[in-house]
Amino acid sequence: MAQKVKLSTIAEALGLSTATVSLALRDSPLVADTTRERIKEKAIELGYIYNRRAASLRTSRSGIIGVVVHDIMNPFYAEILKAIETELDRSRQTFILSNHYDSVEKQRNFIETLLQLGGDGVIMSPAIGTPASDIRLAEDNGMPAILIARSVPEIDVPTFRGDDAYGTALATNHLISLGHTCIAMIGGTDHTSTGRDRYAGYAAALTKAGITVDPALRIPGPRTKQSGFEAAVNFLANPLKPTAAVCWNDLVAIGLMNGIARAGLVPGKDISVTGYDDLEEAAIATPALTTVWNGQSEVGRFAARALLDKLNGSSEADGLHLIKPEMRIRQSTSPLNPGAGRQGAGQSQAGDSETGARS
């Protein structure tokens, strides 16, 4: 087997000390720029691979950060992860990613694996039902934890997420200002802090406007485009005939608009729809989606920065740090249209949905 290229190999090839080579490969300002570049070029030429295990023994740091979220396929988490990666790259940290799909056991296994690898810290959007003890497992073993998107009761670590109650109230108030009084809320679950807060914001806005909060106008559960599309059946068949919908996120809203259009109605004209998160897709949807910007990039950046600060000894204050959401008004909402035709729309959509399910 070929021998591994060592620091001493590079040093001998350049006539430098091993200490100088080591400093240069760690971007130390103690080494002149030209020398540092010459060393890096030689390291690449010789095929040198940084020995992270040896470095961790010297520094008690592995340079590995764990990040665990619900599902990377959700663009909401993808935008957060992009910001986390950008921030960690500046400090030459590597992150290992895991999807827990709301499995507490899968999430716990990931935390235990990180501890075995000597991970420096973990950023997590906790799975539904995450016990405080799982987060303490990391903290008590010297691996600080930062939470994003969701909170966990009885645990006091830095937590970064949007102000969901405020943001959903913004969307609901926007619809009320357009004359809508029969407004449904579609998606989410009371099993997460996000779901509870968003419904609370919706209910608070209705109450403040003197509009009764009717449980019959809530369709919990949907979180994806497909489930939003399927929810259009119940939405259009609701005997209360809602004229507008506040959706859990942009994916649900886009799916719902597709379902409304499939039923022969015009989203944004016959039915007003709002989303949440302001994903890139929202602005190019048809119609362009009125939504709430939820600060994903800031959540990711602040979370990564807080973890790096903890590792460097200057800790971000524990507790909840909320990003203030903002409305993005586009074409999917309009003033109440009392003459919008709804007759038979629910039945048409139901039939189409069943056909699609069989295909």
Protein backbone atom coordinates (compact mmCIF):
# COMPACT_ATOMS: atom_id res chain seq x y z
CA MET A 1 0.00 0.00 0.00
CA ALA A 2 1.15 3.55 -0.77
CA GLN A 3 2.33 5.54 2.23
CA LYS A 4 0.21 8.46 3.43
CA VAL A 5 1.61 11.89 2.68
CA LYS A 6 2.64 13.54 5.96
CA LEU A 7 3.31 17.14 6.93
CA SER A 8 7.00 16.26 7.04
CA THR A 9 6.83 15.11 3.39
CA ILE A 10 5.60 18.56 2.32
CA ALA A 11 8.11 20.29 4.58
CA GLU A 12 11.06 18.34 3.12
CA ALA A 13 9.90 19.01 -0.46
CA LEU A 14 9.83 22.77 0.20
CA GLY A 15 12.75 23.05 2.61
CA LEU A 16 10.51 24.34 5.40
CA SER A 17 9.78 23.27 8.95
CA THR A 18 6.87 20.94 9.73
CA ALA A 19 5.48 23.62 12.09
CA THR A 20 5.34 26.17 9.27
CA VAL A 21 3.52 23.71 6.99
CA SER A 22 1.04 22.90 9.75
CA LEU A 23 0.32 26.58 10.41
CA ALA A 24 -0.09 27.33 6.70
CA LEU A 25 -2.60 24.52 6.16
CA ARG A 26 -4.62 25.95 9.04
CA ASP A 27 -4.57 29.43 7.43
CA SER A 28 -2.53 30.93 10.24
CA PRO A 29 -1.70 34.63 9.76
CA LEU A 30 1.76 33.82 11.14
CA VAL A 31 2.70 32.45 7.70
CA ALA A 32 3.19 34.89 4.79
CA ASP A 33 0.53 34.72 2.08
CA THR A 34 2.94 33.67 -0.66
CA THR A 35 4.45 30.92 1.49
CA ARG A 36 1.01 29.73 2.53
CA GLU A 37 -0.13 29.44 -1.09
CA ARG A 38 3.08 27.62 -2.06
CA ILE A 39 2.54 25.10 0.75
CA LYS A 40 -1.09 24.53 -0.22
CA GLU A 41 -0.19 23.98 -3.85
CA LYS A 42 2.45 21.43 -2.87
CA ALA A 43 0.00 19.68 -0.53
CA ILE A 44 -2.48 19.29 -3.41
CA GLU A 45 0.27 18.13 -5.76
CA LEU A 46 1.41 15.43 -3.30
CA GLY A 47 -2.16 14.35 -2.44
CA TYR A 48 -2.02 15.35 1.22
CA ILE A 49 -5.19 14.60 3.22
CA TYR A 50 -5.82 16.47 6.47
CA ASN A 51 -5.82 14.06 9.45
CA ARG A 52 -8.85 15.24 11.37
CA ARG A 53 -8.51 12.55 14.03
CA ALA A 54 -4.95 13.56 14.88
CA ALA A 55 -5.93 17.23 14.96
CA SER A 56 -8.84 16.54 17.29
CA LEU A 57 -6.47 14.87 19.75
CA ARG A 58 -4.34 18.03 19.79
CA THR A 59 -7.17 20.56 20.02
CA SER A 60 -10.05 18.59 21.62
CA ARG A 61 -12.13 19.76 18.63
CA SER A 62 -13.18 17.58 15.69
CA GLY A 63 -14.42 20.39 13.45
CA ILE A 64 -17.63 18.37 12.93
CA ILE A 65 -21.07 19.88 13.49
CA GLY A 66 -24.23 17.80 13.33
CA VAL A 67 -27.40 19.20 11.75
CA VAL A 68 -30.68 17.30 11.98
CA VAL A 69 -33.98 18.46 10.45
CA HIS A 70 -37.34 16.98 9.53
CA ASP A 71 -36.79 16.60 5.77
CA ILE A 72 -34.21 18.22 3.50
CA MET A 73 -36.65 17.84 0.57
CA ASN A 74 -38.70 20.63 2.13
CA PRO A 75 -37.34 23.89 0.60
CA PHE A 76 -37.89 25.63 3.95
CA TYR A 77 -35.16 23.50 5.53
CA ALA A 78 -33.00 23.70 2.41
CA GLU A 79 -32.89 27.50 2.74
CA ILE A 80 -31.95 27.25 6.43
CA LEU A 81 -29.24 24.68 5.67
CA LYS A 82 -27.75 26.86 2.95
CA ALA A 83 -27.31 29.67 5.49
CA ILE A 84 -25.86 27.29 8.10
CA GLU A 85 -23.37 25.89 5.60
CA THR A 86 -22.26 29.36 4.49
CA GLU A 87 -21.63 30.43 8.09
CA LEU A 88 -19.83 27.21 9.06
CA ASP A 89 -17.66 27.36 5.94
CA ARG A 90 -16.25 30.67 7.15
CA SER A 91 -14.88 28.86 10.20
CA ARG A 92 -13.83 25.78 8.21
CA GLN A 93 -16.33 23.57 10.01
CA THR A 94 -17.78 20.44 8.40
CA PHE A 95 -21.36 19.46 9.05
CA ILE A 96 -23.02 16.06 8.93
CA LEU A 97 -26.69 16.14 7.96
CA SER A 98 -29.52 13.83 9.01
CA ASN A 99 -33.27 13.79 8.33
CA HIS A 100 -35.31 12.50 11.26
CA TYR A 101 -38.76 12.52 9.53
CA ASP A 102 -40.22 13.16 13.01
CA SER A 103 -38.78 9.92 14.37
CA VAL A 104 -37.46 10.61 17.88
CA GLU A 105 -35.53 7.32 17.79
CA LYS A 106 -33.77 8.20 14.52
CA GLN A 107 -32.90 11.61 15.92
CA ARG A 108 -31.54 10.12 19.15
CA ASN A 109 -29.41 7.64 17.19
CA PHE A 110 -27.92 10.55 15.25
CA ILE A 111 -27.06 12.43 18.45
CA GLU A 112 -25.42 9.31 19.91
CA THR A 113 -23.42 8.80 16.70
CA LEU A 114 -22.26 12.42 16.81
CA LEU A 115 -21.08 11.94 20.39
CA GLN A 116 -19.17 8.80 19.35
CA LEU A 117 -17.50 10.77 16.53
CA GLY A 118 -16.57 13.56 18.91
CA GLY A 119 -18.89 16.10 17.29
CA ASP A 120 -18.36 19.66 18.48
CA GLY A 121 -22.06 20.60 18.51
CA VAL A 122 -25.48 19.99 17.02
CA ILE A 123 -28.10 22.21 15.37
CA MET A 124 -31.51 20.60 15.35
CA SER A 125 -35.10 21.16 14.34
CA PRO A 126 -36.45 18.73 16.93
CA ALA A 127 -38.72 15.86 15.97
CA ILE A 128 -42.28 15.85 17.27
CA GLY A 129 -42.22 14.50 20.81
CA THR A 130 -38.53 15.18 21.45
CA PRO A 131 -37.95 14.88 25.22
CA ALA A 132 -35.75 17.42 26.97
CA SER A 133 -33.54 14.51 28.08
CA ASP A 134 -32.38 13.90 24.49
CA ILE A 135 -31.07 17.45 24.23
CA ARG A 136 -29.49 17.22 27.67
CA LEU A 137 -27.73 14.04 26.47
CA ALA A 138 -25.78 16.20 24.03
CA GLU A 139 -25.27 19.12 26.42
CA ASP A 140 -24.18 16.97 29.37
CA ASN A 141 -21.55 15.30 27.18
CA GLY A 142 -19.96 18.56 26.13
CA MET A 143 -21.76 18.88 22.78
CA PRO A 144 -23.78 22.13 22.84
CA ALA A 145 -27.17 22.12 21.10
CA ILE A 146 -28.93 24.90 19.20
CA LEU A 147 -32.59 24.55 18.20
CA ILE A 148 -34.17 25.92 15.02
CA ALA A 149 -37.76 26.18 13.71
CA ARG A 150 -39.30 24.40 16.74
CA SER A 151 -39.05 24.73 20.50
CA VAL A 152 -38.94 21.98 23.13
CA PRO A 153 -40.58 22.52 26.54
CA GLU A 154 -38.44 22.35 29.67
CA ILE A 155 -35.14 22.96 27.88
CA ASP A 156 -33.27 26.26 27.89
CA VAL A 157 -30.85 26.37 24.98
CA PRO A 158 -30.58 29.03 22.23
CA THR A 159 -33.59 28.57 19.93
CA PHE A 160 -34.04 30.47 16.67
CA ARG A 161 -37.26 30.59 14.67
CA GLY A 162 -39.77 32.95 13.16
CA ASP A 163 -42.49 34.53 15.31
CA ASP A 164 -45.18 32.19 14.00
CA ALA A 165 -48.11 33.66 15.92
CA TYR A 166 -47.31 37.15 14.68
CA GLY A 167 -46.71 35.98 11.11
CA THR A 168 -49.97 34.06 10.80
CA ALA A 169 -51.84 37.00 12.30
CA LEU A 170 -50.33 39.16 9.54
CA ALA A 171 -51.72 36.83 6.86
CA THR A 172 -55.13 36.59 8.53
CA ASN A 173 -55.38 40.36 9.01
CA HIS A 174 -54.51 40.85 5.35
CA LEU A 175 -57.46 38.67 4.32
CA ILE A 176 -59.77 40.41 6.79
CA SER A 177 -58.72 43.79 5.34
CA LEU A 178 -59.89 42.52 1.93
CA GLY A 179 -63.37 41.84 3.33
CA HIS A 180 -63.09 38.11 4.01
CA THR A 181 -64.81 36.88 7.16
CA CYS A 182 -65.08 33.14 6.43
CA ILE A 183 -61.42 32.17 6.45
CA ALA A 184 -60.17 28.59 6.73
CA MET A 185 -56.81 27.49 8.13
CA ILE A 186 -55.24 24.57 6.33
CA GLY A 187 -52.34 22.47 7.61
CA GLY A 188 -50.17 22.17 10.67
CA THR A 189 -50.47 20.23 13.88
CA ASP A 190 -50.84 21.03 17.58
CA HIS A 191 -48.03 18.56 18.27
CA THR A 192 -45.38 21.17 17.43
CA SER A 193 -44.72 24.65 18.81
CA THR A 194 -44.92 25.96 15.23
CA GLY A 195 -48.36 24.47 14.67
CA ARG A 196 -49.71 25.73 17.98
CA ASP A 197 -48.34 29.23 17.48
CA ARG A 198 -49.58 29.59 13.91
CA TYR A 199 -53.10 28.53 14.82
CA ALA A 200 -53.00 30.87 17.84
CA GLY A 201 -52.06 33.78 15.56
CA TYR A 202 -54.90 32.96 13.16
CA ALA A 203 -57.42 32.67 15.99
CA ALA A 204 -56.23 35.85 17.70
CA ALA A 205 -56.58 37.90 14.50
CA LEU A 206 -60.12 36.65 13.92
CA THR A 207 -61.12 37.33 17.51
CA LYS A 208 -59.66 40.84 17.46
CA ALA A 209 -61.75 41.55 14.33
CA GLY A 210 -64.91 40.29 16.02
CA ILE A 211 -65.07 37.14 13.84
CA THR A 212 -66.00 33.85 15.50
CA VAL A 213 -63.26 31.20 15.46
CA ASP A 214 -65.06 28.15 14.05
CA PRO A 215 -63.26 24.77 14.44
CA ALA A 216 -65.12 23.60 11.31
CA LEU A 217 -62.90 25.94 9.28
CA ARG A 218 -59.70 24.23 10.37
CA ILE A 219 -58.19 21.43 8.28
CA PRO A 220 -55.14 20.24 10.24
CA GLY A 221 -52.43 17.98 8.88
CA PRO A 222 -51.27 19.06 5.41
CA ARG A 223 -47.62 20.10 5.08
CA THR A 224 -46.81 19.26 1.44
CA LYS A 225 -48.05 20.26 -2.03
CA GLN A 226 -49.76 16.90 -2.50
CA SER A 227 -51.60 17.10 0.84
CA GLY A 228 -52.55 20.72 0.09
CA PHE A 229 -53.98 19.61 -3.25
CA GLU A 230 -55.95 16.84 -1.54
CA ALA A 231 -57.22 19.26 1.14
CA ALA A 232 -58.99 21.26 -1.59
CA VAL A 233 -61.72 18.59 -1.59
CA ASN A 234 -62.72 19.25 2.02
CA PHE A 235 -62.12 22.97 1.68
CA LEU A 236 -64.48 23.37 -1.29
CA ALA A 237 -67.06 21.00 0.18
CA ASN A 238 -67.22 22.86 3.50
CA PRO A 239 -70.85 23.96 4.01
CA LEU A 240 -69.62 27.26 5.52
CA LYS A 241 -68.23 28.12 2.05
CA PRO A 242 -64.96 29.79 3.07
CA THR A 243 -63.80 32.48 0.64
CA ALA A 244 -60.19 32.47 1.76
CA ALA A 245 -57.56 30.20 3.26
CA VAL A 246 -54.55 30.78 5.50
CA CYS A 247 -52.17 27.91 4.72
CA TRP A 248 -49.56 26.32 6.95
CA ASN A 249 -46.80 26.93 4.41
CA ASP A 250 -46.19 27.81 0.76
CA LEU A 251 -46.20 24.17 -0.33
CA VAL A 252 -49.68 23.61 1.08
CA ALA A 253 -50.88 26.89 -0.44
CA ILE A 254 -49.59 26.02 -3.92
CA GLY A 255 -51.14 22.55 -3.69
CA LEU A 256 -54.44 24.05 -2.57
CA MET A 257 -54.43 26.56 -5.45
CA ASN A 258 -53.88 23.69 -7.89
CA GLY A 259 -56.85 21.87 -6.36
CA ILE A 260 -59.02 24.99 -6.56
CA ALA A 261 -58.08 25.46 -10.22
CA ARG A 262 -58.78 21.78 -10.95
CA ALA A 263 -62.31 22.35 -9.62
CA GLY A 264 -62.89 25.14 -12.16
CA LEU A 265 -62.37 28.10 -9.85
CA VAL A 266 -59.74 30.82 -10.08
CA PRO A 267 -57.37 31.07 -7.10
CA GLY A 268 -56.72 34.69 -6.24
CA LYS A 269 -60.06 35.74 -7.72
CA ASP A 270 -62.75 33.30 -6.57
CA ILE A 271 -60.77 32.12 -3.54
CA SER A 272 -57.96 34.04 -1.81
CA VAL A 273 -55.01 32.00 -0.56
CA THR A 274 -52.01 32.90 1.61
CA GLY A 275 -48.90 30.83 2.20
CA TYR A 276 -46.08 30.96 4.72
CA ASP A 277 -42.24 31.01 4.38
CA ASP A 278 -41.87 32.94 1.10
CA LEU A 279 -40.00 30.18 -0.68
CA GLU A 280 -38.45 30.92 -4.07
CA GLU A 281 -41.34 29.05 -5.70
CA ALA A 282 -43.93 31.39 -4.18
CA ALA A 283 -43.09 34.33 -6.44
CA ILE A 284 -43.29 32.25 -9.64
CA ALA A 285 -46.44 30.27 -8.77
CA THR A 286 -49.61 30.86 -10.80
CA PRO A 287 -50.97 33.10 -9.45
CA ALA A 288 -47.97 34.54 -7.59
CA LEU A 289 -48.48 33.62 -3.95
CA THR A 290 -49.21 36.11 -1.20
CA THR A 291 -47.19 34.80 1.71
CA VAL A 292 -45.24 35.57 4.87
CA TRP A 293 -41.44 35.79 4.84
CA ASN A 294 -40.24 33.74 7.80
CA GLY A 295 -36.53 34.59 7.91
CA GLN A 296 -35.11 31.16 7.05
CA SER A 297 -31.70 32.55 6.09
CA GLU A 298 -31.49 34.52 9.32
CA VAL A 299 -32.53 31.50 11.38
CA GLY A 300 -29.72 29.44 9.82
CA ARG A 301 -27.13 32.19 10.10
CA PHE A 302 -27.95 33.06 13.72
CA ALA A 303 -28.05 29.40 14.77
CA ALA A 304 -24.65 28.61 13.22
CA ARG A 305 -23.13 31.79 14.68
CA ALA A 306 -24.53 31.00 18.15
CA LEU A 307 -23.03 27.52 18.07
CA LEU A 308 -19.63 28.79 16.92
CA ASP A 309 -19.72 31.42 19.66
CA LYS A 310 -20.45 28.74 22.24
CA LEU A 311 -17.54 26.67 21.00
CA ASN A 312 -15.30 29.72 21.26
CA GLY A 313 -16.41 30.47 24.80
CA SER A 314 -18.68 33.48 24.22
CA SER A 315 -22.20 32.11 24.44
CA GLU A 316 -25.35 33.46 22.85
CA ALA A 317 -28.02 33.94 25.52
CA ASP A 318 -30.13 30.84 26.07
CA GLY A 319 -33.85 30.91 25.40
CA LEU A 320 -36.05 31.82 22.45
CA HIS A 321 -34.87 34.26 19.75
CA LEU A 322 -37.68 35.20 17.35
CA ILE A 323 -37.26 36.55 13.81
CA LYS A 324 -40.01 39.05 12.94
CA PRO A 325 -41.93 37.92 9.81
CA GLU A 326 -43.03 40.22 6.98
CA MET A 327 -45.94 40.07 4.50
CA ARG A 328 -45.30 39.58 0.79
CA ILE A 329 -48.50 40.60 -1.02
CA ARG A 330 -48.91 39.19 -4.53
CA GLN A 331 -51.72 37.94 -6.79
CA SER A 332 -53.25 35.04 -4.86
CA THR A 333 -55.34 37.35 -2.67
CA SER A 334 -57.96 39.90 -3.69
CA PRO A 335 -61.03 41.65 -2.25
CA LEU A 336 -63.98 39.42 -1.37
CA ASN A 337 -65.89 38.35 -4.49
CA PRO A 338 -69.45 37.64 -3.30
CA GLY A 339 -70.48 36.42 -6.76
CA ALA A 340 -67.81 33.72 -7.04
CA GLY A 341 -69.37 30.47 -8.30
CA ARG A 342 -68.87 27.59 -5.87
CA GLN A 343 -71.76 25.34 -6.84
CA GLY A 344 -70.60 21.75 -7.40
CA ALA A 345 -66.93 22.68 -7.15
CA GLY A 346 -66.28 20.28 -4.27
CA GLN A 347 -67.85 17.35 -6.11
CA SER A 348 -65.87 18.03 -9.29
CA GLN A 349 -62.61 18.22 -7.39
CA ALA A 350 -63.37 15.05 -5.44
CA GLY A 351 -63.97 13.14 -8.62
CA ASP A 352 -60.72 14.39 -10.17
CA SER A 353 -58.79 13.54 -7.02
CA GLU A 354 -60.09 9.96 -6.96
CA THR A 355 -59.15 9.52 -10.61
CA GLY A 356 -55.66 10.84 -9.89
CA ALA A 357 -55.26 8.52 -6.90
CA ARG A 358 -55.99 5.47 -9.05
CA SER A 359 -53.58 6.43 -11.84
